[in-house]
Amino acid sequence: MITLDNNVLRVTGTMRLPEAVKLRDAGLALVPAAQAIDLSGVVDVDSSAIAVLLAWERAAGRPDGPLPVTGAPDGLLSLAHLYEVSDYCGLDAGLSAR
């Protein structure tokens, strides 16, 4: 589930391949108004979560860098580090807020 709360895109539940297209599309509709992404309610991820985050970050198109992501599950941080995309996904910006 995705909601926009006080300019924060909040994601809860799972971010896995079966949900990826629905999550991506729902987030794309909300991300223009978002100032950050909160993943603290996410309980399970797979590599498709990286693709979803990258799509949201591209759509945000912020000239000052990606939307900061907070509360990312350890598995997502590990995948982003492995793929060397943490800074593109806004995960580096959110590390201090974990």
PDB file of N, CA and C in Angstrom:
ATOM      1  N   MET A   1       0.839  -1.177   0.000  1.00  0.00           N
ATOM      2  CA  MET A   1       0.000   0.000   0.000  1.00  0.00           C
ATOM      3  C   MET A   1       0.884   1.242   0.000  1.00  0.00           C
ATOM      4  N   ILE A   2       0.439   2.257  -0.708  1.00  0.00           N
ATOM      5  CA  ILE A   2       1.163   3.517  -0.796  1.00  0.00           C
ATOM      6  C   ILE A   2       0.218   4.656  -0.454  1.00  0.00           C
ATOM      7  N   THR A   3       0.707   5.564   0.384  1.00  0.00           N
ATOM      8  CA  THR A   3      -0.056   6.774   0.692  1.00  0.00           C
ATOM      9  C   THR A   3       0.892   7.964   0.652  1.00  0.00           C
ATOM     10  N   LEU A   4       0.321   9.137   0.485  1.00  0.00           N
ATOM     11  CA  LEU A   4       1.084  10.372   0.580  1.00  0.00           C
ATOM     12  C   LEU A   4       0.604  11.081   1.827  1.00  0.00           C
ATOM     13  N   ASP A   5       1.506  11.244   2.795  1.00  0.00           N
ATOM     14  CA  ASP A   5       1.168  11.822   4.089  1.00  0.00           C
ATOM     15  C   ASP A   5       2.169  12.927   4.400  1.00  0.00           C
ATOM     16  N   ASN A   6       1.696  14.174   4.438  1.00  0.00           N
ATOM     17  CA  ASN A   6       2.579  15.314   4.704  1.00  0.00           C
ATOM     18  C   ASN A   6       3.792  15.329   3.774  1.00  0.00           C
ATOM     19  N   ASN A   7       3.547  15.126   2.498  1.00  0.00           N
ATOM     20  CA  ASN A   7       4.582  15.132   1.461  1.00  0.00           C
ATOM     21  C   ASN A   7       5.583  13.988   1.581  1.00  0.00           C
ATOM     22  N   VAL A   8       5.211  12.939   2.318  1.00  0.00           N
ATOM     23  CA  VAL A   8       6.056  11.756   2.428  1.00  0.00           C
ATOM     24  C   VAL A   8       5.307  10.589   1.802  1.00  0.00           C
ATOM     25  N   LEU A   9       5.951   9.950   0.838  1.00  0.00           N
ATOM     26  CA  LEU A   9       5.396   8.762   0.209  1.00  0.00           C
ATOM     27  C   LEU A   9       5.672   7.587   1.145  1.00  0.00           C
ATOM     28  N   ARG A  10       4.621   7.027   1.742  1.00  0.00           N
ATOM     29  CA  ARG A  10       4.767   5.940   2.712  1.00  0.00           C
ATOM     30  C   ARG A  10       4.340   4.622   2.081  1.00  0.00           C
ATOM     31  N   VAL A  11       5.231   3.641   2.172  1.00  0.00           N
ATOM     32  CA  VAL A  11       4.973   2.328   1.594  1.00  0.00           C
ATOM     33  C   VAL A  11       4.909   1.312   2.725  1.00  0.00           C
ATOM     34  N   THR A  12       3.884   0.460   2.680  1.00  0.00           N
ATOM     35  CA  THR A  12       3.749  -0.601   3.680  1.00  0.00           C
ATOM     36  C   THR A  12       3.509  -1.924   2.962  1.00  0.00           C
ATOM     37  N   GLY A  13       3.799  -3.005   3.666  1.00  0.00           N
ATOM     38  CA  GLY A  13       3.582  -4.338   3.091  1.00  0.00           C
ATOM     39  C   GLY A  13       4.840  -4.863   2.434  1.00  0.00           C
ATOM     40  N   THR A  14       4.662  -5.494   1.284  1.00  0.00           N
ATOM     41  CA  THR A  14       5.801  -6.088   0.586  1.00  0.00           C
ATOM     42  C   THR A  14       6.099  -5.341  -0.705  1.00  0.00           C
ATOM     43  N   MET A  15       7.361  -5.369  -1.077  1.00  0.00           N
ATOM     44  CA  MET A  15       7.809  -4.817  -2.357  1.00  0.00           C
ATOM     45  C   MET A  15       8.506  -5.944  -3.109  1.00  0.00           C
ATOM     46  N   ARG A  16       7.676  -6.800  -3.694  1.00  0.00           N
ATOM     47  CA  ARG A  16       8.178  -7.971  -4.412  1.00  0.00           C
ATOM     48  C   ARG A  16       7.616  -7.965  -5.828  1.00  0.00           C
ATOM     49  N   LEU A  17       8.130  -8.823  -6.656  1.00  0.00           N
ATOM     50  CA  LEU A  17       7.748  -8.854  -8.062  1.00  0.00           C
ATOM     51  C   LEU A  17       6.233  -8.897  -8.294  1.00  0.00           C
ATOM     52  N   PRO A  18       5.457  -9.697  -7.556  1.00  0.00           N
ATOM     53  CA  PRO A  18       4.007  -9.697  -7.817  1.00  0.00           C
ATOM     54  C   PRO A  18       3.337  -8.333  -7.621  1.00  0.00           C
ATOM     55  N   GLU A  19       3.903  -7.480  -6.785  1.00  0.00           N
ATOM     56  CA  GLU A  19       3.332  -6.156  -6.521  1.00  0.00           C
ATOM     57  C   GLU A  19       4.028  -5.034  -7.288  1.00  0.00           C
ATOM     58  N   ALA A  20       5.114  -5.321  -7.971  1.00  0.00           N
ATOM     59  CA  ALA A  20       5.994  -4.283  -8.505  1.00  0.00           C
ATOM     60  C   ALA A  20       5.296  -3.307  -9.449  1.00  0.00           C
ATOM     61  N   VAL A  21       4.550  -3.787 -10.416  1.00  0.00           N
ATOM     62  CA  VAL A  21       3.920  -2.880 -11.386  1.00  0.00           C
ATOM     63  C   VAL A  21       2.872  -2.011 -10.706  1.00  0.00           C
ATOM     64  N   LYS A  22       2.089  -2.611  -9.835  1.00  0.00           N
ATOM     65  CA  LYS A  22       1.058  -1.845  -9.132  1.00  0.00           C
ATOM     66  C   LYS A  22       1.696  -0.786  -8.223  1.00  0.00           C
ATOM     67  N   LEU A  23       2.759  -1.165  -7.503  1.00  0.00           N
ATOM     68  CA  LEU A  23       3.462  -0.210  -6.637  1.00  0.00           C
ATOM     69  C   LEU A  23       4.085   0.914  -7.458  1.00  0.00           C
ATOM     70  N   ARG A  24       4.743   0.528  -8.548  1.00  0.00           N
ATOM     71  CA  ARG A  24       5.380   1.542  -9.396  1.00  0.00           C
ATOM     72  C   ARG A  24       4.353   2.562  -9.885  1.00  0.00           C
ATOM     73  N   ASP A  25       3.247   2.064 -10.439  1.00  0.00           N
ATOM     74  CA  ASP A  25       2.242   2.952 -11.014  1.00  0.00           C
ATOM     75  C   ASP A  25       1.563   3.823  -9.951  1.00  0.00           C
ATOM     76  N   ALA A  26       1.261   3.246  -8.807  1.00  0.00           N
ATOM     77  CA  ALA A  26       0.637   4.020  -7.731  1.00  0.00           C
ATOM     78  C   ALA A  26       1.600   5.096  -7.227  1.00  0.00           C
ATOM     79  N   GLY A  27       2.859   4.737  -7.091  1.00  0.00           N
ATOM     80  CA  GLY A  27       3.856   5.704  -6.646  1.00  0.00           C
ATOM     81  C   GLY A  27       4.098   6.805  -7.664  1.00  0.00           C
ATOM     82  N   LEU A  28       4.080   6.454  -8.956  1.00  0.00           N
ATOM     83  CA  LEU A  28       4.287   7.462  -9.996  1.00  0.00           C
ATOM     84  C   LEU A  28       3.216   8.537  -9.960  1.00  0.00           C
ATOM     85  N   ALA A  29       2.009   8.153  -9.550  1.00  0.00           N
ATOM     86  CA  ALA A  29       0.923   9.130  -9.450  1.00  0.00           C
ATOM     87  C   ALA A  29       1.114  10.082  -8.273  1.00  0.00           C
ATOM     88  N   LEU A  30       1.831   9.638  -7.252  1.00  0.00           N
ATOM     89  CA  LEU A  30       1.994  10.429  -6.028  1.00  0.00           C
ATOM     90  C   LEU A  30       3.338  11.135  -5.900  1.00  0.00           C
ATOM     91  N   VAL A  31       4.356  10.614  -6.559  1.00  0.00           N
ATOM     92  CA  VAL A  31       5.718  11.098  -6.337  1.00  0.00           C
ATOM     93  C   VAL A  31       5.934  12.574  -6.692  1.00  0.00           C
ATOM     94  N   PRO A  32       5.199  13.171  -7.626  1.00  0.00           N
ATOM     95  CA  PRO A  32       5.444  14.592  -7.879  1.00  0.00           C
ATOM     96  C   PRO A  32       5.227  15.490  -6.650  1.00  0.00           C
ATOM     97  N   ALA A  33       4.393  15.067  -5.718  1.00  0.00           N
ATOM     98  CA  ALA A  33       4.133  15.856  -4.511  1.00  0.00           C
ATOM     99  C   ALA A  33       4.992  15.425  -3.327  1.00  0.00           C
ATOM    100  N   ALA A  34       5.803  14.404  -3.509  1.00  0.00           N
ATOM    101  CA  ALA A  34       6.581  13.845  -2.393  1.00  0.00           C
ATOM    102  C   ALA A  34       7.904  14.586  -2.207  1.00  0.00           C
ATOM    103  N   GLN A  35       8.309  14.685  -0.946  1.00  0.00           N
ATOM    104  CA  GLN A  35       9.613  15.241  -0.593  1.00  0.00           C
ATOM    105  C   GLN A  35      10.542  14.168  -0.027  1.00  0.00           C
ATOM    106  N   ALA A  36       9.970  12.987   0.275  1.00  0.00           N
ATOM    107  CA  ALA A  36      10.745  11.877   0.828  1.00  0.00           C
ATOM    108  C   ALA A  36       9.935  10.592   0.649  1.00  0.00           C
ATOM    109  N   ILE A  37      10.615   9.467   0.829  1.00  0.00           N
ATOM    110  CA  ILE A  37       9.987   8.150   0.758  1.00  0.00           C
ATOM    111  C   ILE A  37      10.280   7.427   2.062  1.00  0.00           C
ATOM    112  N   ASP A  38       9.242   6.920   2.701  1.00  0.00           N
ATOM    113  CA  ASP A  38       9.376   6.183   3.958  1.00  0.00           C
ATOM    114  C   ASP A  38       9.030   4.717   3.715  1.00  0.00           C
ATOM    115  N   LEU A  39      10.013   3.854   3.911  1.00  0.00           N
ATOM    116  CA  LEU A  39       9.827   2.418   3.715  1.00  0.00           C
ATOM    117  C   LEU A  39       9.793   1.656   5.041  1.00  0.00           C
ATOM    118  N   SER A  40       9.601   2.346   6.145  1.00  0.00           N
ATOM    119  CA  SER A  40       9.651   1.677   7.454  1.00  0.00           C
ATOM    120  C   SER A  40       8.529   0.655   7.630  1.00  0.00           C
ATOM    121  N   GLY A  41       7.471   0.744   6.843  1.00  0.00           N
ATOM    122  CA  GLY A  41       6.376  -0.219   6.925  1.00  0.00           C
ATOM    123  C   GLY A  41       6.514  -1.392   5.971  1.00  0.00           C
ATOM    124  N   VAL A  42       7.629  -1.462   5.256  1.00  0.00           N
ATOM    125  CA  VAL A  42       7.855  -2.555   4.306  1.00  0.00           C
ATOM    126  C   VAL A  42       8.430  -3.759   5.054  1.00  0.00           C
ATOM    127  N   VAL A  43       7.806  -4.912   4.856  1.00  0.00           N
ATOM    128  CA  VAL A  43       8.210  -6.104   5.595  1.00  0.00           C
ATOM    129  C   VAL A  43       9.004  -7.105   4.775  1.00  0.00           C
ATOM    130  N   ASP A  44       8.969  -6.990   3.438  1.00  0.00           N
ATOM    131  CA  ASP A  44       9.695  -7.943   2.606  1.00  0.00           C
ATOM    132  C   ASP A  44       9.969  -7.303   1.248  1.00  0.00           C
ATOM    133  N   VAL A  45      11.161  -7.560   0.705  1.00  0.00           N
ATOM    134  CA  VAL A  45      11.543  -7.011  -0.594  1.00  0.00           C
ATOM    135  C   VAL A  45      12.240  -8.075  -1.424  1.00  0.00           C
ATOM    136  N   ASP A  46      12.261  -7.843  -2.721  1.00  0.00           N
ATOM    137  CA  ASP A  46      13.163  -8.559  -3.612  1.00  0.00           C
ATOM    138  C   ASP A  46      13.774  -7.523  -4.546  1.00  0.00           C
ATOM    139  N   SER A  47      14.508  -7.953  -5.541  1.00  0.00           N
ATOM    140  CA  SER A  47      15.227  -7.008  -6.390  1.00  0.00           C
ATOM    141  C   SER A  47      14.307  -6.086  -7.189  1.00  0.00           C
ATOM    142  N   SER A  48      13.052  -6.460  -7.357  1.00  0.00           N
ATOM    143  CA  SER A  48      12.137  -5.572  -8.083  1.00  0.00           C
ATOM    144  C   SER A  48      11.908  -4.264  -7.325  1.00  0.00           C
ATOM    145  N   ALA A  49      12.132  -4.254  -6.035  1.00  0.00           N
ATOM    146  CA  ALA A  49      11.989  -3.021  -5.250  1.00  0.00           C
ATOM    147  C   ALA A  49      12.981  -1.966  -5.732  1.00  0.00           C
ATOM    148  N   ILE A  50      14.150  -2.385  -6.164  1.00  0.00           N
ATOM    149  CA  ILE A  50      15.137  -1.451  -6.703  1.00  0.00           C
ATOM    150  C   ILE A  50      14.582  -0.791  -7.962  1.00  0.00           C
ATOM    151  N   ALA A  51      13.983  -1.582  -8.842  1.00  0.00           N
ATOM    152  CA  ALA A  51      13.411  -1.029 -10.078  1.00  0.00           C
ATOM    153  C   ALA A  51      12.300  -0.041  -9.772  1.00  0.00           C
ATOM    154  N   VAL A  52      11.474  -0.352  -8.779  1.00  0.00           N
ATOM    155  CA  VAL A  52      10.379   0.546  -8.393  1.00  0.00           C
ATOM    156  C   VAL A  52      10.948   1.864  -7.871  1.00  0.00           C
ATOM    157  N   LEU A  53      11.931   1.791  -6.980  1.00  0.00           N
ATOM    158  CA  LEU A  53      12.545   3.014  -6.450  1.00  0.00           C
ATOM    159  C   LEU A  53      13.183   3.851  -7.552  1.00  0.00           C
ATOM    160  N   LEU A  54      13.882   3.197  -8.479  1.00  0.00           N
ATOM    161  CA  LEU A  54      14.511   3.931  -9.570  1.00  0.00           C
ATOM    162  C   LEU A  54      13.469   4.635 -10.436  1.00  0.00           C
ATOM    163  N   ALA A  55      12.345   3.976 -10.696  1.00  0.00           N
ATOM    164  CA  ALA A  55      11.266   4.600 -11.483  1.00  0.00           C
ATOM    165  C   ALA A  55      10.729   5.825 -10.762  1.00  0.00           C
ATOM    166  N   TRP A  56      10.518   5.716  -9.452  1.00  0.00           N
ATOM    167  CA  TRP A  56      10.019   6.858  -8.686  1.00  0.00           C
ATOM    168  C   TRP A  56      11.016   8.000  -8.694  1.00  0.00           C
ATOM    169  N   GLU A  57      12.290   7.672  -8.529  1.00  0.00           N
ATOM    170  CA  GLU A  57      13.315   8.720  -8.494  1.00  0.00           C
ATOM    171  C   GLU A  57      13.418   9.416  -9.849  1.00  0.00           C
ATOM    172  N   ARG A  58      13.347   8.655 -10.939  1.00  0.00           N
ATOM    173  CA  ARG A  58      13.368   9.269 -12.271  1.00  0.00           C
ATOM    174  C   ARG A  58      12.184  10.210 -12.442  1.00  0.00           C
ATOM    175  N   ALA A  59      11.012   9.763 -12.014  1.00  0.00           N
ATOM    176  CA  ALA A  59       9.801  10.573 -12.156  1.00  0.00           C
ATOM    177  C   ALA A  59       9.867  11.840 -11.305  1.00  0.00           C
ATOM    178  N   ALA A  60      10.522  11.751 -10.151  1.00  0.00           N
ATOM    179  CA  ALA A  60      10.636  12.927  -9.283  1.00  0.00           C
ATOM    180  C   ALA A  60      11.469  14.006  -9.967  1.00  0.00           C
ATOM    181  N   GLY A  61      12.505  13.579 -10.685  1.00  0.00           N
ATOM    182  CA  GLY A  61      13.317  14.507 -11.460  1.00  0.00           C
ATOM    183  C   GLY A  61      13.863  15.690 -10.689  1.00  0.00           C
ATOM    184  N   ARG A  62      14.241  15.467  -9.458  1.00  0.00           N
ATOM    185  CA  ARG A  62      14.741  16.564  -8.629  1.00  0.00           C
ATOM    186  C   ARG A  62      16.139  16.981  -9.066  1.00  0.00           C
ATOM    187  N   PRO A  63      16.349  18.278  -9.306  1.00  0.00           N
ATOM    188  CA  PRO A  63      17.678  18.731  -9.719  1.00  0.00           C
ATOM    189  C   PRO A  63      18.711  18.629  -8.594  1.00  0.00           C
ATOM    190  N   ASP A  64      18.248  18.579  -7.348  1.00  0.00           N
ATOM    191  CA  ASP A  64      19.169  18.528  -6.210  1.00  0.00           C
ATOM    192  C   ASP A  64      19.440  17.109  -5.728  1.00  0.00           C
ATOM    193  N   GLY A  65      19.051  16.116  -6.506  1.00  0.00           N
ATOM    194  CA  GLY A  65      19.337  14.730  -6.148  1.00  0.00           C
ATOM    195  C   GLY A  65      18.070  13.958  -5.861  1.00  0.00           C
ATOM    196  N   PRO A  66      18.232  12.683  -5.546  1.00  0.00           N
ATOM    197  CA  PRO A  66      17.072  11.822  -5.345  1.00  0.00           C
ATOM    198  C   PRO A  66      16.293  12.161  -4.075  1.00  0.00           C
ATOM    199  N   LEU A  67      15.033  11.748  -4.071  1.00  0.00           N
ATOM    200  CA  LEU A  67      14.243  11.857  -2.839  1.00  0.00           C
ATOM    201  C   LEU A  67      14.917  11.019  -1.764  1.00  0.00           C
ATOM    202  N   PRO A  68      15.070  11.536  -0.556  1.00  0.00           N
ATOM    203  CA  PRO A  68      15.648  10.712   0.507  1.00  0.00           C
ATOM    204  C   PRO A  68      14.694   9.586   0.887  1.00  0.00           C
ATOM    205  N   VAL A  69      15.271   8.417   1.106  1.00  0.00           N
ATOM    206  CA  VAL A  69      14.501   7.234   1.502  1.00  0.00           C
ATOM    207  C   VAL A  69      14.896   6.875   2.923  1.00  0.00           C
ATOM    208  N   THR A  70      13.904   6.740   3.795  1.00  0.00           N
ATOM    209  CA  THR A  70      14.161   6.347   5.175  1.00  0.00           C
ATOM    210  C   THR A  70      13.490   5.021   5.469  1.00  0.00           C
ATOM    211  N   GLY A  71      13.969   4.358   6.492  1.00  0.00           N
ATOM    212  CA  GLY A  71      13.351   3.126   6.970  1.00  0.00           C
ATOM    213  C   GLY A  71      13.476   1.944   6.043  1.00  0.00           C
ATOM    214  N   ALA A  72      14.433   1.962   5.146  1.00  0.00           N
ATOM    215  CA  ALA A  72      14.588   0.860   4.191  1.00  0.00           C
ATOM    216  C   ALA A  72      14.983  -0.427   4.920  1.00  0.00           C
ATOM    217  N   PRO A  73      14.360  -1.547   4.558  1.00  0.00           N
ATOM    218  CA  PRO A  73      14.740  -2.830   5.159  1.00  0.00           C
ATOM    219  C   PRO A  73      16.195  -3.169   4.813  1.00  0.00           C
ATOM    220  N   ASP A  74      16.835  -3.926   5.691  1.00  0.00           N
ATOM    221  CA  ASP A  74      18.229  -4.302   5.471  1.00  0.00           C
ATOM    222  C   ASP A  74      18.433  -5.018   4.143  1.00  0.00           C
ATOM    223  N   GLY A  75      17.475  -5.857   3.753  1.00  0.00           N
ATOM    224  CA  GLY A  75      17.596  -6.583   2.491  1.00  0.00           C
ATOM    225  C   GLY A  75      17.657  -5.648   1.297  1.00  0.00           C
ATOM    226  N   LEU A  76      16.888  -4.583   1.334  1.00  0.00           N
ATOM    227  CA  LEU A  76      16.899  -3.601   0.248  1.00  0.00           C
ATOM    228  C   LEU A  76      18.224  -2.839   0.231  1.00  0.00           C
ATOM    229  N   LEU A  77      18.713  -2.488   1.399  1.00  0.00           N
ATOM    230  CA  LEU A  77      20.006  -1.803   1.467  1.00  0.00           C
ATOM    231  C   LEU A  77      21.120  -2.688   0.918  1.00  0.00           C
ATOM    232  N   SER A  78      21.055  -3.975   1.234  1.00  0.00           N
ATOM    233  CA  SER A  78      22.064  -4.911   0.733  1.00  0.00           C
ATOM    234  C   SER A  78      22.009  -5.038  -0.784  1.00  0.00           C
ATOM    235  N   LEU A  79      20.804  -5.141  -1.331  1.00  0.00           N
ATOM    236  CA  LEU A  79      20.657  -5.234  -2.780  1.00  0.00           C
ATOM    237  C   LEU A  79      21.158  -3.969  -3.467  1.00  0.00           C
ATOM    238  N   ALA A  80      20.783  -2.813  -2.953  1.00  0.00           N
ATOM    239  CA  ALA A  80      21.209  -1.555  -3.551  1.00  0.00           C
ATOM    240  C   ALA A  80      22.731  -1.408  -3.504  1.00  0.00           C
ATOM    241  N   HIS A  81      23.325  -1.848  -2.408  1.00  0.00           N
ATOM    242  CA  HIS A  81      24.783  -1.808  -2.294  1.00  0.00           C
ATOM    243  C   HIS A  81      25.413  -2.765  -3.307  1.00  0.00           C
ATOM    244  N   LEU A  82      24.870  -3.966  -3.425  1.00  0.00           N
ATOM    245  CA  LEU A  82      25.382  -4.953  -4.376  1.00  0.00           C
ATOM    246  C   LEU A  82      25.316  -4.427  -5.801  1.00  0.00           C
ATOM    247  N   TYR A  83      24.209  -3.801  -6.169  1.00  0.00           N
ATOM    248  CA  TYR A  83      24.020  -3.259  -7.521  1.00  0.00           C
ATOM    249  C   TYR A  83      24.681  -1.899  -7.717  1.00  0.00           C
ATOM    250  N   GLU A  84      25.221  -1.344  -6.646  1.00  0.00           N
ATOM    251  CA  GLU A  84      25.879  -0.036  -6.665  1.00  0.00           C
ATOM    252  C   GLU A  84      24.944   1.071  -7.151  1.00  0.00           C
ATOM    253  N   VAL A  85      23.713   1.070  -6.613  1.00  0.00           N
ATOM    254  CA  VAL A  85      22.717   2.078  -6.983  1.00  0.00           C
ATOM    255  C   VAL A  85      22.155   2.824  -5.770  1.00  0.00           C
ATOM    256  N   SER A  86      22.747   2.670  -4.618  1.00  0.00           N
ATOM    257  CA  SER A  86      22.221   3.303  -3.403  1.00  0.00           C
ATOM    258  C   SER A  86      22.019   4.799  -3.563  1.00  0.00           C
ATOM    259  N   ASP A  87      23.007   5.471  -4.162  1.00  0.00           N
ATOM    260  CA  ASP A  87      22.901   6.916  -4.304  1.00  0.00           C
ATOM    261  C   ASP A  87      21.848   7.314  -5.328  1.00  0.00           C
ATOM    262  N   TYR A  88      21.579   6.488  -6.334  1.00  0.00           N
ATOM    263  CA  TYR A  88      20.541   6.787  -7.329  1.00  0.00           C
ATOM    264  C   TYR A  88      19.140   6.572  -6.770  1.00  0.00           C
ATOM    265  N   CYS A  89      19.028   5.674  -5.790  1.00  0.00           N
ATOM    266  CA  CYS A  89      17.725   5.328  -5.200  1.00  0.00           C
ATOM    267  C   CYS A  89      17.386   6.180  -3.991  1.00  0.00           C
ATOM    268  N   GLY A  90      18.242   7.090  -3.608  1.00  0.00           N
ATOM    269  CA  GLY A  90      17.974   7.912  -2.437  1.00  0.00           C
ATOM    270  C   GLY A  90      18.271   7.207  -1.125  1.00  0.00           C
ATOM    271  N   LEU A  91      18.854   6.028  -1.198  1.00  0.00           N
ATOM    272  CA  LEU A  91      19.097   5.268   0.018  1.00  0.00           C
ATOM    273  C   LEU A  91      20.243   5.823   0.834  1.00  0.00           C
ATOM    274  N   ASP A  92      21.257   6.376   0.190  1.00  0.00           N
ATOM    275  CA  ASP A  92      22.362   6.985   0.936  1.00  0.00           C
ATOM    276  C   ASP A  92      21.873   8.172   1.743  1.00  0.00           C
ATOM    277  N   ALA A  93      20.939   8.931   1.180  1.00  0.00           N
ATOM    278  CA  ALA A  93      20.413  10.107   1.872  1.00  0.00           C
ATOM    279  C   ALA A  93      19.653   9.712   3.128  1.00  0.00           C
ATOM    280  N   GLY A  94      19.047   8.529   3.137  1.00  0.00           N
ATOM    281  CA  GLY A  94      18.240   8.119   4.261  1.00  0.00           C
ATOM    282  C   GLY A  94      18.959   7.286   5.297  1.00  0.00           C
ATOM    283  N   LEU A  95      20.225   6.949   5.060  1.00  0.00           N
ATOM    284  CA  LEU A  95      20.938   6.065   5.991  1.00  0.00           C
ATOM    285  C   LEU A  95      21.024   6.647   7.390  1.00  0.00           C
ATOM    286  N   SER A  96      21.245   7.930   7.494  1.00  0.00           N
ATOM    287  CA  SER A  96      21.393   8.526   8.815  1.00  0.00           C
ATOM    288  C   SER A  96      20.058   8.584   9.563  1.00  0.00           C
ATOM    289  N   ALA A  97      18.951   8.436   8.850  1.00  0.00           N
ATOM    290  CA  ALA A  97      17.634   8.532   9.487  1.00  0.00           C
ATOM    291  C   ALA A  97      17.078   7.167   9.865  1.00  0.00           C
ATOM    292  N   ARG A  98      17.828   6.107   9.662  1.00  0.00           N
ATOM    293  CA  ARG A  98      17.354   4.759   9.959  1.00  0.00           C
ATOM    294  C   ARG A  98      17.313   4.509  11.430  1.00  0.00           C
TER     295      ARG A  98
END
